[in-house]
C-alpha cells in the first residue's frame, strides 16, 4: 500500500461507498434514502474529488484530459463492455426483454448507461465537472472559484439544460467540488480539537440532517436543489472530523485502503451484488423478505462489501488496466 496515503481521506471515502450501497439496498424509505442518505453521499464524493484535484500537475489541457480520461473514461468503457455482454447473455432473459439490444449503447454514448450500469452516472458527471472546473481555475483567481461555482449552480438550477453526460448535474453539484478544492487547507486542519468546536460541528451536522429530512415536505424542485447544496456544504466538515477521529483512533487499514483505491469496482458491482443477495434470500425465505425487514437494509450492505472485495483485489492486482491504472 502507498505509504503516503492520508488515513482520514480513506475513511471518508470508505463510508461514502458504504452509503452508496446502503442507498441502493431495499427497502427504499422516502426520508432515509430519498433525503438523508442521498444528500450525504453525493456531497462527500464530489468534495473529496475536488480536495484531491491539483491543477499544478497539468501543464496544459491535453495533459489534463489524457490523465483524467484514463482514470475515468477507461473504467467507464471497460466495465460497460463487461456488464453489457453479461446483460445480453443473462439480463435480457431476467426481465429486460423489452429493452432493445442497442438501447444500452445509446445510453452509454449519452453518459448514462442506466440499464447496464446505472451507478456510472457518477463517472460521467465527475468527468464533466472536472473539465468545467479546470477551465474555471484557469480563467479565474482562486478567491473567485467558490463564488463562481455557486453562481454556475444557481444558473443551472433555474435554467434546466439537456442532461447529456450529466452536464446539468455537474453544474448543479459544482459547489461541492469547488468547496473541497478551495477550502483544502481548512478541511485538512479542521478537527474535534476542543469541546466547544466539537459541539458546534456536531450541531451543524445534526441541523443539516434535520433539514434534509424535513425537505420531504418541499415540492418545489429549485428550492429543493438549493437546500441540497446548503445542507451538503454544512455537513461536510462534521463528516470529515468524524473520519479524522476514527483515523486517529484506529489508524491505517489495508482493507479500507484497497476498497477505496478500487471504489469504481464497488460502484460497478454493487447493484448486481445486491440483486444476487436478494435472490438468494428470497429463495431461502420468501419473496419480498428484504422489503419486509428493515434490519436487512443495514445488514446487506456489509454482505455486499465483503462479497465484492475479492473482485476488487483481483482487479487491483491483476487487471488494473480496467481502472486505467498501471500494474501494482
Protein backbone atom coordinates (compact mmCIF):
# COMPACT_ATOMS: atom_id res chain seq x y z
CA UNK A 1 0.00 0.00 0.00
CA UNK A 2 1.10 3.56 -0.64
CA UNK A 3 2.87 4.91 2.45
CA UNK A 4 1.82 8.47 1.62
CA UNK A 5 -1.91 7.81 1.85
CA UNK A 6 -3.91 10.05 4.16
CA UNK A 7 -5.92 7.79 6.52
CA UNK A 8 -8.82 10.16 7.19
CA UNK A 9 -9.41 10.59 3.45
CA UNK A 10 -9.69 6.83 3.12
CA UNK A 11 -12.18 6.67 6.00
CA UNK A 12 -14.31 9.40 4.36
CA UNK A 13 -14.32 7.63 1.01
CA UNK A 14 -14.90 4.20 2.56
CA UNK A 15 -18.04 5.30 4.39
CA UNK A 16 -19.21 7.19 1.31
CA UNK A 17 -19.00 3.92 -0.64
CA UNK A 18 -20.96 2.22 2.14
CA UNK A 19 -23.63 4.94 1.93
CA UNK A 20 -23.97 4.36 -1.82
CA UNK A 21 -24.60 0.65 -1.23
CA UNK A 22 -26.96 1.42 1.67
CA UNK A 23 -28.92 3.82 -0.57
CA UNK A 24 -29.44 1.18 -3.25
CA UNK A 25 -30.40 -1.59 -0.81
CA UNK A 26 -34.17 -2.16 -0.36
CA UNK A 27 -36.48 -1.29 1.17
CA UNK A 28 -36.41 2.31 -0.07
CA UNK A 29 -37.62 4.83 2.50
CA UNK A 30 -38.61 8.39 1.48
CA UNK A 31 -36.82 10.18 4.32
CA UNK A 32 -33.78 7.96 4.97
CA UNK A 33 -32.96 7.19 1.32
CA UNK A 34 -34.69 9.93 -0.62
CA UNK A 35 -33.45 12.81 1.52
CA UNK A 36 -30.77 11.94 4.07
CA UNK A 37 -28.51 9.27 2.54
CA UNK A 38 -28.60 10.67 -0.99
CA UNK A 39 -27.70 14.12 0.32
CA UNK A 40 -24.83 12.75 2.40
CA UNK A 41 -23.08 10.59 -0.18
CA UNK A 42 -23.15 12.93 -3.20
CA UNK A 43 -21.60 15.99 -1.47
CA UNK A 44 -18.78 13.92 0.05
CA UNK A 45 -17.87 12.15 -3.17
CA UNK A 46 -17.58 15.37 -5.13
CA UNK A 47 -15.96 17.29 -2.27
CA UNK A 48 -13.17 14.75 -1.82
CA UNK A 49 -12.62 14.62 -5.59
CA UNK A 50 -12.19 18.40 -5.51
CA UNK A 51 -9.90 18.15 -2.50
CA UNK A 52 -7.59 15.78 -4.39
CA UNK A 53 -7.56 17.84 -7.60
CA UNK A 54 -4.29 19.69 -8.21
CA UNK A 55 -4.19 21.76 -11.40
CA UNK A 56 -0.44 22.32 -10.98
CA UNK A 57 0.13 18.70 -12.10
CA UNK A 58 -1.04 19.57 -15.61
CA UNK A 59 0.93 21.86 -17.92
CA UNK A 60 -1.91 22.06 -20.46
CA UNK A 61 -5.43 20.85 -21.15
CA UNK A 62 -4.23 17.97 -23.30
CA UNK A 63 -2.24 16.50 -20.43
CA UNK A 64 -5.17 17.03 -18.04
CA UNK A 65 -7.64 15.42 -20.47
CA UNK A 66 -5.36 12.45 -21.06
CA UNK A 67 -4.86 11.80 -17.35
CA UNK A 68 -8.48 12.22 -16.30
CA UNK A 69 -9.69 10.34 -19.36
CA UNK A 70 -7.53 7.38 -18.40
CA UNK A 71 -8.75 7.45 -14.79
CA UNK A 72 -12.46 7.94 -15.59
CA UNK A 73 -13.28 7.12 -19.21
CA UNK A 74 -11.27 3.87 -19.32
CA UNK A 75 -13.20 2.23 -16.42
CA UNK A 76 -16.41 3.73 -17.84
CA UNK A 77 -15.72 1.85 -21.10
CA UNK A 78 -14.26 -1.40 -19.75
CA UNK A 79 -16.91 -2.07 -17.12
CA UNK A 80 -19.67 -1.15 -19.56
CA UNK A 81 -18.38 -3.72 -22.05
CA UNK A 82 -18.22 -6.42 -19.35
CA UNK A 83 -21.70 -5.79 -17.98
CA UNK A 84 -23.24 -5.14 -21.39
CA UNK A 85 -22.12 -8.59 -22.55
CA UNK A 86 -23.48 -10.12 -19.33
CA UNK A 87 -26.73 -8.22 -19.88
CA UNK A 88 -27.04 -9.59 -23.43
CA UNK A 89 -26.40 -13.12 -22.18
CA UNK A 90 -28.41 -13.06 -18.94
CA UNK A 91 -30.17 -9.76 -18.28
CA UNK A 92 -32.47 -9.89 -21.30
CA UNK A 93 -33.75 -13.22 -20.01
CA UNK A 94 -34.36 -11.95 -16.47
CA UNK A 95 -36.77 -9.10 -17.04
CA UNK A 96 -35.21 -6.72 -19.57
CA UNK A 97 -36.55 -8.47 -22.66
CA UNK A 98 -38.50 -5.34 -23.68
CA UNK A 99 -35.30 -3.27 -23.87
CA UNK A 100 -33.82 -3.25 -27.39
CA UNK A 101 -30.27 -4.63 -27.57
CA UNK A 102 -28.97 -1.31 -28.90
CA UNK A 103 -30.60 0.93 -26.25
CA UNK A 104 -27.80 0.47 -23.66
CA UNK A 105 -25.30 1.55 -26.35
CA UNK A 106 -27.27 4.75 -26.92
CA UNK A 107 -27.42 5.35 -23.17
CA UNK A 108 -23.67 4.73 -22.93
CA UNK A 109 -22.98 7.41 -25.53
CA UNK A 110 -25.27 9.81 -23.64
CA UNK A 111 -23.28 9.20 -20.44
CA UNK A 112 -25.98 7.32 -18.52
CA UNK A 113 -25.91 3.54 -19.03
CA UNK A 114 -28.80 3.06 -16.59
CA UNK A 115 -29.91 -0.33 -17.95
CA UNK A 116 -26.47 -1.92 -17.57
CA UNK A 117 -24.58 0.24 -15.05
CA UNK A 118 -26.90 2.81 -13.54
CA UNK A 119 -24.41 3.93 -10.88
CA UNK A 120 -21.91 5.03 -13.54
CA UNK A 121 -23.79 8.28 -13.98
CA UNK A 122 -21.36 9.44 -11.31
CA UNK A 123 -18.31 8.86 -13.54
CA UNK A 124 -19.71 10.81 -16.49
CA UNK A 125 -20.87 13.60 -14.17
CA UNK A 126 -17.49 13.74 -12.41
CA UNK A 127 -15.61 13.90 -15.72
CA UNK A 128 -17.69 16.82 -16.98
CA UNK A 129 -17.39 18.54 -13.59
CA UNK A 130 -13.61 18.25 -13.63
CA UNK A 131 -13.38 19.65 -17.16
CA UNK A 132 -15.58 22.61 -16.20
CA UNK A 133 -13.60 23.24 -13.02
CA UNK A 134 -10.30 23.03 -14.92
CA UNK A 135 -11.36 25.94 -17.14
CA UNK A 136 -12.79 27.89 -14.19
CA UNK A 137 -9.47 27.55 -12.36
CA UNK A 138 -7.53 28.61 -15.45
CA UNK A 139 -9.72 31.65 -16.05
CA UNK A 140 -10.45 32.95 -12.52
CA UNK A 141 -8.41 33.93 -9.45
CA UNK A 142 -8.63 31.37 -6.66
CA UNK A 143 -10.74 33.63 -4.43
CA UNK A 144 -13.45 33.70 -7.09
CA UNK A 145 -13.66 29.98 -7.73
CA UNK A 146 -16.14 29.09 -4.99
CA UNK A 147 -18.48 32.07 -5.62
CA UNK A 148 -18.32 31.32 -9.35
CA UNK A 149 -19.27 27.68 -8.72
CA UNK A 150 -22.29 28.82 -6.69
CA UNK A 151 -23.36 31.21 -9.47
CA UNK A 152 -22.97 28.39 -12.01
CA UNK A 153 -25.01 26.06 -9.81
CA UNK A 154 -27.84 28.56 -9.27
CA UNK A 155 -27.91 29.32 -13.00
CA UNK A 156 -28.23 25.61 -13.80
CA UNK A 157 -30.94 25.13 -11.17
CA UNK A 158 -33.01 27.91 -12.71
CA UNK A 159 -32.26 27.09 -16.35
CA UNK A 160 -32.57 23.33 -16.91
CA UNK A 161 -30.39 22.00 -19.73
CA UNK A 162 -30.24 18.77 -21.69
CA UNK A 163 -28.53 16.45 -19.25
CA UNK A 164 -26.35 14.50 -21.69
CA UNK A 165 -23.23 13.34 -19.86
CA UNK A 166 -24.87 14.90 -16.81
CA UNK A 167 -23.77 18.40 -17.75
CA UNK A 168 -26.65 19.84 -15.74
CA UNK A 169 -25.84 17.73 -12.67
CA UNK A 170 -22.17 18.64 -12.97
CA UNK A 171 -23.08 22.34 -12.88
CA UNK A 172 -25.55 21.93 -10.02
CA UNK A 173 -23.15 19.95 -7.81
CA UNK A 174 -20.10 22.06 -8.71
CA UNK A 175 -20.07 23.89 -5.31
CA UNK A 176 -19.17 20.61 -3.56
CA UNK A 177 -16.18 20.07 -5.84
CA UNK A 178 -15.12 23.71 -5.51
CA UNK A 179 -15.58 23.62 -1.73
CA UNK A 180 -13.20 20.66 -1.46
CA UNK A 181 -10.62 22.35 -3.67
CA UNK A 182 -10.88 25.96 -2.50
CA UNK A 183 -11.04 25.13 1.22
CA UNK A 184 -8.46 22.35 1.12
CA UNK A 185 -6.39 24.00 3.86
CA UNK A 186 -9.40 24.38 6.16
CA UNK A 187 -10.59 20.80 5.58
CA UNK A 188 -7.11 19.41 6.23
CA UNK A 189 -6.90 21.28 9.56
CA UNK A 190 -10.47 21.12 10.91
CA UNK A 191 -10.96 18.60 13.73
CA UNK A 192 -12.65 17.96 17.06
CA UNK A 193 -9.81 19.83 18.75
CA UNK A 194 -11.91 21.15 21.65
CA UNK A 195 -15.28 20.54 23.26
CA UNK A 196 -16.55 23.88 22.00
CA UNK A 197 -15.59 23.19 18.38
CA UNK A 198 -16.84 19.60 18.62
CA UNK A 199 -20.21 20.82 19.87
CA UNK A 200 -20.53 23.37 17.07
CA UNK A 201 -19.58 20.92 14.32
CA UNK A 202 -21.86 18.17 15.65
CA UNK A 203 -24.71 20.67 15.96
CA UNK A 204 -24.20 21.79 12.35
CA UNK A 205 -24.22 18.17 11.24
CA UNK A 206 -27.43 17.40 13.12
CA UNK A 207 -29.14 20.56 11.86
CA UNK A 208 -28.24 19.71 8.26
CA UNK A 209 -29.63 16.18 8.66
CA UNK A 210 -32.86 17.51 10.18
CA UNK A 211 -33.29 19.99 7.32
CA UNK A 212 -32.65 17.20 4.82
CA UNK A 213 -35.31 15.04 6.49
CA UNK A 214 -37.84 17.88 6.62
CA UNK A 215 -37.24 18.75 2.97
CA UNK A 216 -39.53 15.85 2.10
CA UNK A 217 -42.35 18.38 2.50
CA UNK A 218 -40.83 20.75 -0.09
CA UNK A 219 -42.23 20.09 -3.55
CA UNK A 220 -40.61 22.94 -5.49
CA UNK A 221 -37.54 21.43 -7.22
CA UNK A 222 -35.43 24.59 -7.43
CA UNK A 223 -35.79 25.23 -3.70
CA UNK A 224 -35.01 21.57 -3.06
CA UNK A 225 -31.76 21.81 -5.03
CA UNK A 226 -30.69 24.94 -3.14
CA UNK A 227 -31.32 23.15 0.17
CA UNK A 228 -29.24 20.18 -1.06
CA UNK A 229 -26.27 22.43 -1.75
CA UNK A 230 -26.54 24.34 1.53
CA UNK A 231 -27.02 21.25 3.71
CA UNK A 232 -24.30 19.34 1.89
CA UNK A 233 -21.70 22.05 2.45
CA UNK A 234 -22.85 22.38 6.07
CA UNK A 235 -22.42 18.68 6.90
CA UNK A 236 -19.07 18.11 5.14
CA UNK A 237 -16.80 19.44 7.96
CA UNK A 238 -18.61 17.29 10.55
CA UNK A 239 -18.29 14.20 8.35
CA UNK A 240 -14.57 14.86 7.84
CA UNK A 241 -13.97 15.42 11.56
CA UNK A 242 -15.62 12.09 12.38
CA UNK A 243 -13.39 10.42 9.80
CA UNK A 244 -10.32 12.07 11.33
CA UNK A 245 -11.35 10.90 14.79
CA UNK A 246 -11.66 7.31 13.51
CA UNK A 247 -8.35 7.54 11.66
CA UNK A 248 -6.63 8.82 14.80
CA UNK A 249 -8.17 6.08 16.91
CA UNK A 250 -7.71 3.12 14.56
CA UNK A 251 -5.02 4.25 12.12
CA UNK A 252 -4.46 2.90 8.65
CA UNK A 253 -6.25 -0.23 7.50
CA UNK A 254 -5.17 -2.21 4.43
CA UNK A 255 -8.72 -3.43 3.74
CA UNK A 256 -10.16 0.08 3.79
CA UNK A 257 -7.35 1.30 1.55
CA UNK A 258 -7.94 -1.42 -1.06
CA UNK A 259 -11.69 -0.77 -1.06
CA UNK A 260 -11.11 2.96 -1.54
CA UNK A 261 -8.49 2.53 -4.28
CA UNK A 262 -10.99 0.33 -6.10
CA UNK A 263 -14.13 2.33 -5.42
CA UNK A 264 -15.06 2.12 -9.11
CA UNK A 265 -15.20 -1.67 -8.80
CA UNK A 266 -17.68 -1.31 -5.94
CA UNK A 267 -19.61 1.24 -7.96
CA UNK A 268 -19.84 -1.22 -10.86
CA UNK A 269 -20.69 -4.39 -8.93
CA UNK A 270 -22.85 -3.18 -6.05
CA UNK A 271 -26.29 -3.12 -7.71
CA UNK A 272 -25.72 -6.54 -9.27
CA UNK A 273 -24.49 -7.95 -5.96
CA UNK A 274 -27.48 -6.50 -4.10
CA UNK A 275 -29.74 -8.18 -6.66
CA UNK A 276 -27.91 -11.51 -6.29
CA UNK A 277 -28.15 -11.44 -2.47
CA UNK A 278 -31.82 -10.51 -2.73
CA UNK A 279 -32.50 -13.53 -4.95
CA UNK A 280 -30.61 -15.82 -2.54
CA UNK A 281 -32.52 -14.50 0.49
CA UNK A 282 -35.86 -14.88 -1.28
CA UNK A 283 -35.04 -18.47 -2.22
CA UNK A 284 -34.06 -19.22 1.36
CA UNK A 285 -37.05 -17.46 2.95
CA UNK A 286 -39.81 -15.87 0.86
CA UNK A 287 -40.37 -13.30 -1.90
CA UNK A 288 -40.17 -9.76 -0.55
CA UNK A 289 -38.15 -10.66 2.54
CA UNK A 290 -35.87 -7.62 2.14
CA UNK A 291 -38.79 -5.23 1.73
CA UNK A 292 -40.39 -6.61 4.90
CA UNK A 293 -37.31 -6.44 7.13
CA UNK A 294 -35.76 -3.02 7.60
CA UNK A 295 -32.84 -4.52 9.54
CA UNK A 296 -31.70 -6.23 6.33
CA UNK A 297 -31.17 -2.81 4.77
CA UNK A 298 -28.33 -2.26 7.23
CA UNK A 299 -27.04 -5.85 7.08
CA UNK A 300 -26.96 -6.49 3.34
CA UNK A 301 -24.55 -3.59 2.56
CA UNK A 302 -21.90 -5.27 4.75
CA UNK A 303 -22.52 -8.53 2.89
CA UNK A 304 -22.19 -6.69 -0.43
CA UNK A 305 -18.91 -5.01 0.56
CA UNK A 306 -17.46 -8.37 1.64
CA UNK A 307 -18.70 -10.14 -1.50
CA UNK A 308 -17.21 -7.55 -3.86
CA UNK A 309 -13.84 -7.46 -2.09
CA UNK A 310 -12.36 -10.48 -3.97
CA UNK A 311 -13.24 -8.82 -7.30
CA UNK A 312 -11.62 -5.58 -6.13
CA UNK A 313 -8.49 -7.46 -5.03
CA UNK A 314 -8.29 -9.38 -8.31
CA UNK A 315 -8.67 -6.29 -10.48
CA UNK A 316 -6.31 -4.24 -8.31
CA UNK A 317 -3.51 -6.81 -8.52
CA UNK A 318 -4.01 -8.46 -11.90
CA UNK A 319 -6.25 -6.28 -14.11
CA UNK A 320 -5.62 -2.64 -13.12
CA UNK A 321 -5.97 -1.67 -16.80
CA UNK A 322 -9.72 -1.94 -16.26
CA UNK A 323 -9.39 1.09 -13.98
CA UNK A 324 -6.97 2.94 -16.23
CA UNK A 325 -4.10 2.17 -13.85
CA UNK A 326 -0.68 0.60 -14.18
CA UNK A 327 0.13 -2.78 -12.65
CA UNK A 328 0.79 -2.67 -8.92
